[in-house]
N, C-alpha and C. Protein backbone atom coordinates (compact mmCIF):
# COMPACT_ATOMS: atom_id res chain seq x y z
N UNK A 1 0.88 -1.16 0.07
CA UNK A 1 -0.11 0.11 -0.16
C UNK A 1 0.78 1.39 0.13
N UNK A 2 0.43 2.15 -0.61
CA UNK A 2 1.48 3.09 -1.12
C UNK A 2 0.62 4.59 0.19
N UNK A 3 1.29 5.66 0.14
CA UNK A 3 0.78 6.71 1.19
C UNK A 3 -0.07 7.22 0.64
N UNK A 4 0.12 7.12 -0.70
CA UNK A 4 -0.70 8.33 -1.47
C UNK A 4 -2.76 7.93 -1.52
N UNK A 5 -2.53 6.50 -1.24
CA UNK A 5 -4.04 6.26 -1.10
C UNK A 5 -4.98 6.59 -0.21
N UNK A 6 -4.40 6.38 1.13
CA UNK A 6 -5.33 7.03 1.86
C UNK A 6 -5.57 8.31 1.94
N UNK A 7 -4.66 9.51 1.49
CA UNK A 7 -4.61 10.51 1.53
C UNK A 7 -5.65 10.72 0.26
N UNK A 8 -5.76 9.86 -0.99
CA UNK A 8 -6.29 10.37 -2.25
C UNK A 8 -7.98 10.03 -1.72
N UNK A 9 -8.29 8.95 -1.02
CA UNK A 9 -9.75 8.66 -0.69
C UNK A 9 -10.33 9.39 0.43
N UNK A 10 -9.46 10.19 1.38
CA UNK A 10 -9.80 11.36 2.28
C UNK A 10 -10.03 12.65 1.43
N UNK A 11 -9.14 12.89 0.42
CA UNK A 11 -9.25 14.04 -0.21
C UNK A 11 -10.77 14.10 -1.05
N UNK A 12 -11.01 12.67 -1.72
CA UNK A 12 -12.22 12.33 -2.41
C UNK A 12 -13.49 12.40 -1.47
N UNK A 13 -13.47 11.50 0.14
CA UNK A 13 -14.52 11.47 0.84
C UNK A 13 -14.57 13.11 1.11
N UNK A 14 -13.56 13.93 1.31
CA UNK A 14 -14.69 15.30 1.92
C UNK A 14 -15.00 15.86 0.85
N UNK A 15 -14.20 16.05 -0.71
CA UNK A 15 -15.20 17.00 -1.54
C UNK A 15 -16.24 16.01 -1.66
N UNK A 16 -16.52 14.89 -1.92
CA UNK A 16 -18.18 14.40 -2.00
C UNK A 16 -18.44 14.67 -0.74
N UNK A 17 -18.29 14.85 0.59
CA UNK A 17 -19.03 15.25 1.94
C UNK A 17 -19.80 16.83 1.42
N UNK A 18 -18.74 17.59 0.88
CA UNK A 18 -18.73 18.85 0.38
C UNK A 18 -20.13 19.05 -0.92
N UNK A 19 -19.94 18.21 -1.54
CA UNK A 19 -21.01 18.26 -2.89
C UNK A 19 -22.09 17.39 -2.25
N UNK A 20 -22.54 16.59 -1.52
CA UNK A 20 -23.20 16.28 -1.10
C UNK A 20 -24.55 16.72 0.22
N UNK A 21 -23.73 17.02 0.97
CA UNK A 21 -23.90 17.81 2.16
C UNK A 21 -24.21 19.43 1.89
N UNK A 22 -23.95 19.74 0.84
CA UNK A 22 -23.82 21.29 0.44
C UNK A 22 -24.97 22.33 0.38
N UNK A 23 -25.78 21.41 -0.55
CA UNK A 23 -27.37 21.93 -0.88
C UNK A 23 -28.22 21.50 0.62
N UNK A 24 -27.95 20.78 1.58
CA UNK A 24 -28.56 20.75 2.71
C UNK A 24 -27.99 21.72 3.68
N UNK A 25 -26.66 21.64 4.14
CA UNK A 25 -26.52 23.14 4.62
C UNK A 25 -27.11 24.61 4.08
N UNK A 26 -27.01 24.83 2.79
CA UNK A 26 -27.18 25.44 2.65
C UNK A 26 -28.75 26.08 2.68
N UNK A 27 -29.59 25.07 2.32
CA UNK A 27 -31.01 25.36 2.44
C UNK A 27 -31.34 25.49 4.13
N UNK A 28 -30.62 24.82 4.98
CA UNK A 28 -30.66 25.07 6.23
C UNK A 28 -30.30 26.53 7.31
N UNK A 29 -29.17 27.06 6.09
CA UNK A 29 -28.82 28.25 6.54
C UNK A 29 -29.66 29.24 6.36
N UNK A 30 -30.13 29.40 5.00
CA UNK A 30 -31.11 30.28 4.67
C UNK A 30 -32.32 30.15 5.83
N UNK A 31 -33.17 29.14 5.84
CA UNK A 31 -34.26 28.72 6.27
C UNK A 31 -33.41 29.67 7.91
N UNK A 32 -32.69 29.00 8.39
CA UNK A 32 -32.13 29.30 10.01
C UNK A 32 -32.02 30.84 10.10
N UNK A 33 -31.66 31.73 8.75
CA UNK A 33 -31.58 32.82 8.93
C UNK A 33 -32.95 33.60 8.87
N UNK A 34 -33.82 33.14 7.92
CA UNK A 34 -34.96 33.91 7.96
C UNK A 34 -35.98 33.94 8.97
N UNK A 35 -35.85 32.47 9.71
CA UNK A 35 -36.19 32.70 11.15
C UNK A 35 -35.89 33.31 12.07
N UNK A 36 -34.64 33.39 12.14
CA UNK A 36 -34.20 34.43 12.98
C UNK A 36 -34.43 35.77 12.95
N UNK A 37 -34.40 36.11 11.78
CA UNK A 37 -35.15 37.77 11.38
C UNK A 37 -36.43 37.70 12.00
N UNK A 38 -37.23 36.84 11.44
CA UNK A 38 -38.40 36.73 12.01
C UNK A 38 -38.58 36.54 13.64
N UNK A 39 -37.63 35.82 13.84
CA UNK A 39 -37.83 35.78 15.48
C UNK A 39 -37.33 37.20 16.23
N UNK A 40 -36.68 37.56 15.85
CA UNK A 40 -36.19 39.32 16.04
C UNK A 40 -37.13 40.33 15.89
N UNK A 41 -37.88 40.07 15.08
CA UNK A 41 -38.53 41.69 14.49
C UNK A 41 -40.28 40.94 15.24
N UNK A 42 -40.54 39.90 15.59
CA UNK A 42 -41.64 39.88 16.53
C UNK A 42 -41.30 39.58 17.89
N UNK A 43 -40.00 39.15 18.27
CA UNK A 43 -39.95 38.93 19.61
C UNK A 43 -40.36 37.96 20.15
N UNK A 44 -40.40 36.92 19.39
CA UNK A 44 -41.05 35.41 19.87
C UNK A 44 -40.07 34.89 19.91
N UNK A 45 -39.53 34.38 21.31
CA UNK A 45 -38.26 33.55 21.42
C UNK A 45 -38.48 31.90 21.54
N UNK A 46 -39.50 31.23 20.97
CA UNK A 46 -39.90 29.93 21.42
C UNK A 46 -39.05 29.24 20.71
N UNK A 47 -38.28 27.76 21.43
CA UNK A 47 -37.22 26.94 20.68
C UNK A 47 -38.18 26.30 19.44
N UNK A 48 -39.64 25.60 19.82
CA UNK A 48 -40.11 25.08 18.65
C UNK A 48 -40.15 26.48 17.13
N UNK A 49 -40.28 27.48 17.57
CA UNK A 49 -40.83 27.95 16.08
C UNK A 49 -39.27 28.42 15.62
N UNK A 50 -38.22 27.81 16.07
CA UNK A 50 -37.18 27.95 15.70
C UNK A 50 -36.56 26.42 14.95
N UNK A 51 -36.60 25.30 15.44
CA UNK A 51 -36.81 23.97 15.28
C UNK A 51 -37.47 23.59 14.24
N UNK A 52 -38.46 23.62 14.26
CA UNK A 52 -39.88 23.17 13.36
C UNK A 52 -39.34 23.79 12.02
N UNK A 53 -39.34 24.64 11.42
CA UNK A 53 -39.26 24.99 9.97
C UNK A 53 -37.66 24.66 9.59
N UNK A 54 -36.35 24.18 10.47
CA UNK A 54 -35.24 23.95 9.73
C UNK A 54 -35.52 22.32 9.98
N UNK A 55 -36.43 21.83 10.77
CA UNK A 55 -36.50 20.24 10.77
C UNK A 55 -37.52 19.50 9.46
N UNK A 56 -38.45 20.80 8.86
CA UNK A 56 -39.30 20.53 8.04
C UNK A 56 -38.64 20.63 6.56
N UNK A 57 -37.71 21.66 6.46
CA UNK A 57 -36.66 21.70 5.25
C UNK A 57 -35.89 20.77 5.42
N UNK A 58 -35.03 20.16 6.25
CA UNK A 58 -34.13 19.31 6.28
C UNK A 58 -34.63 17.79 5.78
N UNK A 59 -35.89 17.59 6.17
CA UNK A 59 -36.65 16.40 5.67
C UNK A 59 -37.03 16.58 4.45
N UNK A 60 -37.52 17.83 3.98
CA UNK A 60 -37.94 17.80 2.40
C UNK A 60 -36.57 17.79 1.57
N UNK A 61 -35.59 18.43 2.12
CA UNK A 61 -34.41 18.26 1.27
C UNK A 61 -33.99 16.81 0.93
N UNK A 62 -34.30 16.17 2.37
CA UNK A 62 -33.42 14.71 2.37
C UNK A 62 -34.66 13.99 1.38
N UNK A 63 -35.85 14.11 1.66
CA UNK A 63 -36.53 13.51 0.66
C UNK A 63 -36.41 13.68 -0.76
N UNK A 64 -36.11 14.73 -1.42
CA UNK A 64 -36.07 15.34 -2.30
C UNK A 64 -34.90 15.14 -3.09
N UNK A 65 -33.54 15.14 -2.22
CA UNK A 65 -32.17 14.68 -2.81
C UNK A 65 -31.78 13.69 -2.51
N UNK A 66 -32.32 12.63 -1.21
CA UNK A 66 -31.56 11.85 -0.58
C UNK A 66 -31.40 10.37 -1.37
N UNK A 67 -32.01 10.35 -3.10
CA UNK A 67 -31.66 9.54 -3.65
C UNK A 67 -30.31 9.69 -4.56
N UNK A 68 -30.63 11.11 -4.65
CA UNK A 68 -29.09 11.72 -5.69
C UNK A 68 -28.03 11.38 -4.55
N UNK A 69 -28.05 11.59 -3.28
CA UNK A 69 -27.13 12.01 -2.14
C UNK A 69 -26.62 10.26 -1.93
N UNK A 70 -27.32 9.50 -2.00
CA UNK A 70 -27.03 8.12 -1.71
C UNK A 70 -26.13 7.46 -2.84
N UNK A 71 -26.88 7.89 -4.01
CA UNK A 71 -26.08 7.64 -5.42
C UNK A 71 -24.39 7.85 -5.40
N UNK A 72 -24.25 8.95 -5.23
CA UNK A 72 -22.77 9.60 -4.86
C UNK A 72 -22.46 8.76 -3.81
N UNK A 73 -22.97 8.94 -2.83
CA UNK A 73 -22.42 8.34 -1.59
C UNK A 73 -21.68 6.63 -1.83
N UNK A 74 -22.64 5.95 -2.32
CA UNK A 74 -22.24 4.56 -2.64
C UNK A 74 -21.69 4.14 -4.02
N UNK A 75 -21.41 5.39 -5.07
CA UNK A 75 -20.42 5.45 -6.09
C UNK A 75 -18.89 5.90 -5.18
N UNK A 76 -18.82 6.78 -4.12
CA UNK A 76 -17.47 7.02 -3.74
C UNK A 76 -16.88 5.56 -2.96
N UNK A 77 -18.06 5.05 -2.09
CA UNK A 77 -17.97 3.53 -1.48
C UNK A 77 -17.14 2.67 -2.62
N UNK A 78 -17.58 2.37 -3.76
CA UNK A 78 -17.41 1.13 -4.87
C UNK A 78 -16.22 2.01 -5.17
N UNK A 79 -15.67 2.57 -5.39
CA UNK A 79 -14.37 3.69 -5.81
C UNK A 79 -13.25 3.16 -4.85
N UNK A 80 -13.53 3.82 -3.98
CA UNK A 80 -12.75 3.45 -2.48
C UNK A 80 -12.31 1.90 -2.40
N UNK A 81 -13.27 0.71 -2.35
CA UNK A 81 -13.43 -0.53 -2.29
C UNK A 81 -12.35 -0.86 -3.57
N UNK A 82 -13.00 -0.50 -4.68
CA UNK A 82 -11.68 -1.08 -5.86
C UNK A 82 -10.51 -0.34 -6.27
N UNK A 83 -10.07 0.81 -5.41
CA UNK A 83 -8.92 1.24 -5.36
C UNK A 83 -7.85 0.21 -4.41
N UNK A 84 -8.71 0.06 -3.42
CA UNK A 84 -8.01 -0.50 -2.11
C UNK A 84 -7.33 -2.18 -2.72
N UNK A 85 -8.66 -2.27 -3.16
CA UNK A 85 -8.41 -3.88 -3.87
C UNK A 85 -7.09 -3.80 -5.08
N UNK A 86 -7.02 -2.64 -5.84
CA UNK A 86 -6.38 -2.91 -6.77
C UNK A 86 -4.98 -2.81 -6.48
N UNK A 87 -4.64 -1.66 -5.33
CA UNK A 87 -3.51 -1.40 -4.80
C UNK A 87 -3.03 -2.48 -3.59
N UNK A 88 -3.66 -3.08 -3.52
CA UNK A 88 -3.36 -4.16 -2.40
C UNK A 88 -3.26 -3.74 -0.70
N UNK A 89 -4.42 -3.36 -0.46
CA UNK A 89 -4.76 -2.67 0.82
C UNK A 89 -5.00 -3.55 1.72
C-alpha cells in the first residue's frame, strides 16, 4: 500500500461530503437566517418556532435529494473499495 491511497481517499471523501451535504447545509442556513430575522422582528423566542422550520426543511431536502446523495456516496464507496483492492490494501 502506498501512502498516496489514504490521502486520495480522504480527499475524495471530503470533496464528496461537500458536494452532497452542501445543498442541505445551504438550505438550513437560509431557513435559519429567515427564522432568526422573523424571531427578532416579532420578539417570539420560542425554541419550537426555530426548530420546526429547520426540521421540515431538512426532511424535504432529504426526501427530494436523498436518492441522489445516496447514489453519490455509494459510488464513492465502490471507488474506494476497488482502489483498495487494486492497490493491495
